[in-house]
Each structure stands twice: as C-alpha cells, then as structure tokens.
Amino acid sequence: MAIKQLNPFTRAVLMAKHAWAVFRAKETPRYVKLILGLGLVYIVSPWDIIPEWLPVIGVMDDLTLAALLIAWANSFRVEGDE
C-alpha cells in the first residue's frame, strides 16, 4: 500500500519511524544526524524561541520544527527501503 493512501496519523507515525531509521543508519552523514539530534533537543528543551505558556503559538514552533525535520529525514534513503 502506498503511504499516500494511509490516514494522516498512520502516515505521520510511519514517517517518524523512517526518520528514526535515518538517524540510526550507518550510511547517514554525520551532519544529518547532528541536525536531527539538535532539532530533537530543541523540541524537548524547556527553552524555546517562543515559550510554551503562550497559547497555541507557543507549541507551534516545536510542532513545525518536528514536521520539517521528519519531512527532511524522509528525503533520505536507508538500507532496506523499497
């Protein structure tokens, strides 16, 4: 089944799993791993450009960064991809 035919939640989970596989793959360049790792640290860090206590907009910077990092990681192929 093509990934575009899945519901949005299932598609997001599959993309996140692929991003994790890209991070763990030996053939992934170090700069990619560094950017993904720093992005994850920023997302879970209590220090943000826009603080979380601001309604809606405070969380949006984290969600936007997560979406961008996952989409970027999905542009990379890892061993075992079809």
N, C-alpha and C. Protein backbone atom coordinates (compact mmCIF):
# COMPACT_ATOMS: atom_id res chain seq x y z
N MET A 1 0.84 -1.18 0.00
CA MET A 1 0.00 0.00 0.00
C MET A 1 0.89 1.24 0.00
N ALA A 2 0.55 2.19 -0.82
CA ALA A 2 1.33 3.43 -0.90
C ALA A 2 1.07 4.27 0.35
N ILE A 3 2.10 4.96 0.79
CA ILE A 3 1.98 5.75 2.02
C ILE A 3 0.96 6.88 1.87
N LYS A 4 0.76 7.39 0.67
CA LYS A 4 -0.18 8.50 0.47
C LYS A 4 -1.62 8.07 0.65
N GLN A 5 -1.91 6.77 0.62
CA GLN A 5 -3.28 6.28 0.77
C GLN A 5 -3.65 6.04 2.24
N LEU A 6 -2.71 6.17 3.15
CA LEU A 6 -2.97 5.93 4.57
C LEU A 6 -3.59 7.16 5.22
N ASN A 7 -4.24 6.94 6.38
CA ASN A 7 -4.80 8.10 7.09
C ASN A 7 -3.65 8.95 7.64
N PRO A 8 -3.89 10.20 7.94
CA PRO A 8 -2.81 11.12 8.34
C PRO A 8 -2.03 10.67 9.57
N PHE A 9 -2.69 10.10 10.58
CA PHE A 9 -1.99 9.67 11.78
C PHE A 9 -1.03 8.53 11.47
N THR A 10 -1.50 7.52 10.75
CA THR A 10 -0.66 6.38 10.38
C THR A 10 0.51 6.84 9.53
N ARG A 11 0.25 7.74 8.62
CA ARG A 11 1.31 8.28 7.76
C ARG A 11 2.36 9.00 8.59
N ALA A 12 1.94 9.81 9.57
CA ALA A 12 2.88 10.53 10.42
C ALA A 12 3.73 9.57 11.24
N VAL A 13 3.11 8.50 11.75
CA VAL A 13 3.86 7.51 12.53
C VAL A 13 4.90 6.82 11.65
N LEU A 14 4.52 6.44 10.43
CA LEU A 14 5.47 5.79 9.52
C LEU A 14 6.62 6.73 9.15
N MET A 15 6.31 8.00 8.94
CA MET A 15 7.35 8.97 8.62
C MET A 15 8.30 9.17 9.80
N ALA A 16 7.77 9.21 11.02
CA ALA A 16 8.62 9.35 12.20
C ALA A 16 9.52 8.13 12.38
N LYS A 17 8.99 6.95 12.12
CA LYS A 17 9.80 5.73 12.20
C LYS A 17 10.92 5.76 11.16
N HIS A 18 10.61 6.26 9.97
CA HIS A 18 11.65 6.35 8.94
C HIS A 18 12.72 7.37 9.35
N ALA A 19 12.29 8.48 9.95
CA ALA A 19 13.26 9.49 10.41
C ALA A 19 14.19 8.86 11.45
N TRP A 20 13.65 8.03 12.34
CA TRP A 20 14.47 7.34 13.34
C TRP A 20 15.44 6.38 12.65
N ALA A 21 14.97 5.68 11.62
CA ALA A 21 15.83 4.76 10.88
C ALA A 21 16.96 5.52 10.18
N VAL A 22 16.65 6.69 9.64
CA VAL A 22 17.68 7.52 9.01
C VAL A 22 18.71 7.94 10.04
N PHE A 23 18.26 8.33 11.23
CA PHE A 23 19.18 8.75 12.29
C PHE A 23 20.10 7.61 12.71
N ARG A 24 19.58 6.39 12.78
CA ARG A 24 20.36 5.25 13.24
C ARG A 24 21.21 4.59 12.16
N ALA A 25 20.94 4.87 10.88
CA ALA A 25 21.65 4.20 9.80
C ALA A 25 23.12 4.61 9.75
N LYS A 26 23.98 3.64 9.51
CA LYS A 26 25.42 3.90 9.44
C LYS A 26 25.78 4.76 8.24
N GLU A 27 25.01 4.64 7.15
CA GLU A 27 25.36 5.38 5.93
C GLU A 27 24.86 6.83 5.94
N THR A 28 24.12 7.22 6.96
CA THR A 28 23.65 8.60 7.06
C THR A 28 24.82 9.51 7.43
N PRO A 29 25.00 10.60 6.69
CA PRO A 29 26.10 11.53 7.01
C PRO A 29 25.96 12.11 8.41
N ARG A 30 27.09 12.43 9.01
CA ARG A 30 27.09 12.95 10.38
C ARG A 30 26.34 14.27 10.51
N TYR A 31 26.42 15.12 9.49
CA TYR A 31 25.74 16.40 9.60
C TYR A 31 24.22 16.22 9.66
N VAL A 32 23.70 15.19 9.00
CA VAL A 32 22.26 14.91 9.06
C VAL A 32 21.89 14.45 10.47
N LYS A 33 22.70 13.56 11.02
CA LYS A 33 22.45 13.09 12.39
C LYS A 33 22.54 14.25 13.39
N LEU A 34 23.49 15.13 13.18
CA LEU A 34 23.66 16.28 14.07
C LEU A 34 22.44 17.20 14.02
N ILE A 35 21.96 17.50 12.83
CA ILE A 35 20.79 18.38 12.70
C ILE A 35 19.55 17.72 13.30
N LEU A 36 19.34 16.44 13.02
CA LEU A 36 18.19 15.74 13.60
C LEU A 36 18.28 15.70 15.12
N GLY A 37 19.47 15.43 15.65
CA GLY A 37 19.65 15.37 17.09
C GLY A 37 19.45 16.72 17.76
N LEU A 38 20.03 17.76 17.18
CA LEU A 38 19.86 19.10 17.75
C LEU A 38 18.40 19.56 17.68
N GLY A 39 17.74 19.18 16.59
CA GLY A 39 16.31 19.51 16.47
C GLY A 39 15.49 18.83 17.55
N LEU A 40 15.79 17.58 17.82
CA LEU A 40 15.09 16.85 18.88
C LEU A 40 15.35 17.48 20.24
N VAL A 41 16.60 17.86 20.49
CA VAL A 41 16.93 18.52 21.76
C VAL A 41 16.15 19.82 21.90
N TYR A 42 16.05 20.59 20.82
CA TYR A 42 15.30 21.85 20.86
C TYR A 42 13.82 21.59 21.16
N ILE A 43 13.27 20.56 20.53
CA ILE A 43 11.84 20.27 20.70
C ILE A 43 11.51 19.89 22.13
N VAL A 44 12.35 19.08 22.76
CA VAL A 44 12.07 18.64 24.13
C VAL A 44 12.61 19.61 25.19
N SER A 45 13.41 20.56 24.79
CA SER A 45 14.00 21.52 25.73
C SER A 45 12.96 22.51 26.24
N PRO A 46 13.09 22.89 27.51
CA PRO A 46 12.16 23.90 28.04
C PRO A 46 12.45 25.32 27.53
N TRP A 47 13.61 25.54 26.92
CA TRP A 47 13.96 26.85 26.39
C TRP A 47 13.62 26.90 24.91
N ASP A 48 12.78 27.83 24.54
CA ASP A 48 12.31 27.97 23.16
C ASP A 48 12.41 29.42 22.71
N ILE A 49 12.34 29.58 21.41
CA ILE A 49 12.25 30.93 20.85
C ILE A 49 10.90 31.54 21.24
N ILE A 50 9.84 30.72 21.13
CA ILE A 50 8.51 31.14 21.55
C ILE A 50 8.12 30.26 22.73
N PRO A 51 7.95 30.82 23.93
CA PRO A 51 7.67 30.00 25.11
C PRO A 51 6.32 29.27 25.02
N GLU A 52 6.27 28.09 25.67
CA GLU A 52 5.07 27.25 25.63
C GLU A 52 3.87 27.88 26.33
N TRP A 53 4.11 28.78 27.26
CA TRP A 53 2.99 29.35 28.01
C TRP A 53 2.13 30.29 27.16
N LEU A 54 2.60 30.64 25.97
CA LEU A 54 1.76 31.42 25.05
C LEU A 54 0.78 30.45 24.38
N PRO A 55 -0.52 30.70 24.49
CA PRO A 55 -1.49 29.75 23.95
C PRO A 55 -1.30 29.53 22.44
N VAL A 56 -1.40 28.31 22.04
CA VAL A 56 -1.33 27.81 20.66
C VAL A 56 0.02 28.11 20.01
N ILE A 57 0.38 29.35 19.90
CA ILE A 57 1.59 29.73 19.18
C ILE A 57 2.86 29.22 19.86
N GLY A 58 2.81 29.03 21.17
CA GLY A 58 3.98 28.54 21.91
C GLY A 58 4.35 27.12 21.55
N VAL A 59 3.37 26.31 21.23
CA VAL A 59 3.62 24.93 20.85
C VAL A 59 3.87 24.80 19.36
N MET A 60 3.39 25.75 18.59
CA MET A 60 3.50 25.66 17.13
C MET A 60 4.94 25.64 16.63
N ASP A 61 5.85 26.34 17.29
CA ASP A 61 7.24 26.33 16.82
C ASP A 61 7.83 24.93 16.96
N ASP A 62 7.51 24.23 18.05
CA ASP A 62 8.01 22.86 18.23
C ASP A 62 7.39 21.91 17.21
N LEU A 63 6.08 22.01 17.02
CA LEU A 63 5.41 21.13 16.05
C LEU A 63 5.88 21.39 14.62
N THR A 64 6.10 22.65 14.30
CA THR A 64 6.58 23.00 12.96
C THR A 64 7.98 22.44 12.73
N LEU A 65 8.85 22.61 13.71
CA LEU A 65 10.22 22.08 13.58
C LEU A 65 10.20 20.56 13.47
N ALA A 66 9.37 19.89 14.27
CA ALA A 66 9.27 18.43 14.20
C ALA A 66 8.80 17.99 12.82
N ALA A 67 7.79 18.66 12.28
CA ALA A 67 7.28 18.32 10.95
C ALA A 67 8.35 18.54 9.88
N LEU A 68 9.07 19.63 9.97
CA LEU A 68 10.12 19.91 8.98
C LEU A 68 11.26 18.90 9.06
N LEU A 69 11.67 18.54 10.27
CA LEU A 69 12.75 17.57 10.42
C LEU A 69 12.34 16.19 9.92
N ILE A 70 11.12 15.78 10.23
CA ILE A 70 10.64 14.47 9.76
C ILE A 70 10.53 14.46 8.24
N ALA A 71 9.99 15.51 7.66
CA ALA A 71 9.89 15.58 6.20
C ALA A 71 11.27 15.57 5.55
N TRP A 72 12.21 16.29 6.14
CA TRP A 72 13.58 16.33 5.59
C TRP A 72 14.23 14.96 5.70
N ALA A 73 14.08 14.31 6.84
CA ALA A 73 14.66 12.99 7.03
C ALA A 73 14.08 11.97 6.07
N ASN A 74 12.82 12.16 5.68
CA ASN A 74 12.19 11.23 4.76
C ASN A 74 12.67 11.41 3.33
N SER A 75 13.46 12.43 3.07
CA SER A 75 14.05 12.59 1.74
C SER A 75 15.30 11.73 1.59
N PHE A 76 15.77 11.12 2.69
CA PHE A 76 16.95 10.26 2.66
C PHE A 76 16.51 8.81 2.58
N ARG A 77 17.31 8.02 1.89
CA ARG A 77 17.06 6.59 1.79
C ARG A 77 17.99 5.86 2.75
N VAL A 78 17.48 4.81 3.37
CA VAL A 78 18.32 3.96 4.21
C VAL A 78 18.26 2.55 3.66
N GLU A 79 19.23 1.75 4.02
CA GLU A 79 19.29 0.38 3.57
C GLU A 79 18.03 -0.36 4.03
N GLY A 80 17.42 -1.08 3.11
CA GLY A 80 16.19 -1.79 3.42
C GLY A 80 14.96 -1.08 2.90
N ASP A 81 15.10 0.17 2.39
CA ASP A 81 13.97 0.87 1.79
C ASP A 81 13.65 0.22 0.45
N GLU A 82 12.39 0.32 0.08
CA GLU A 82 11.99 -0.22 -1.22
C GLU A 82 12.25 0.76 -2.32
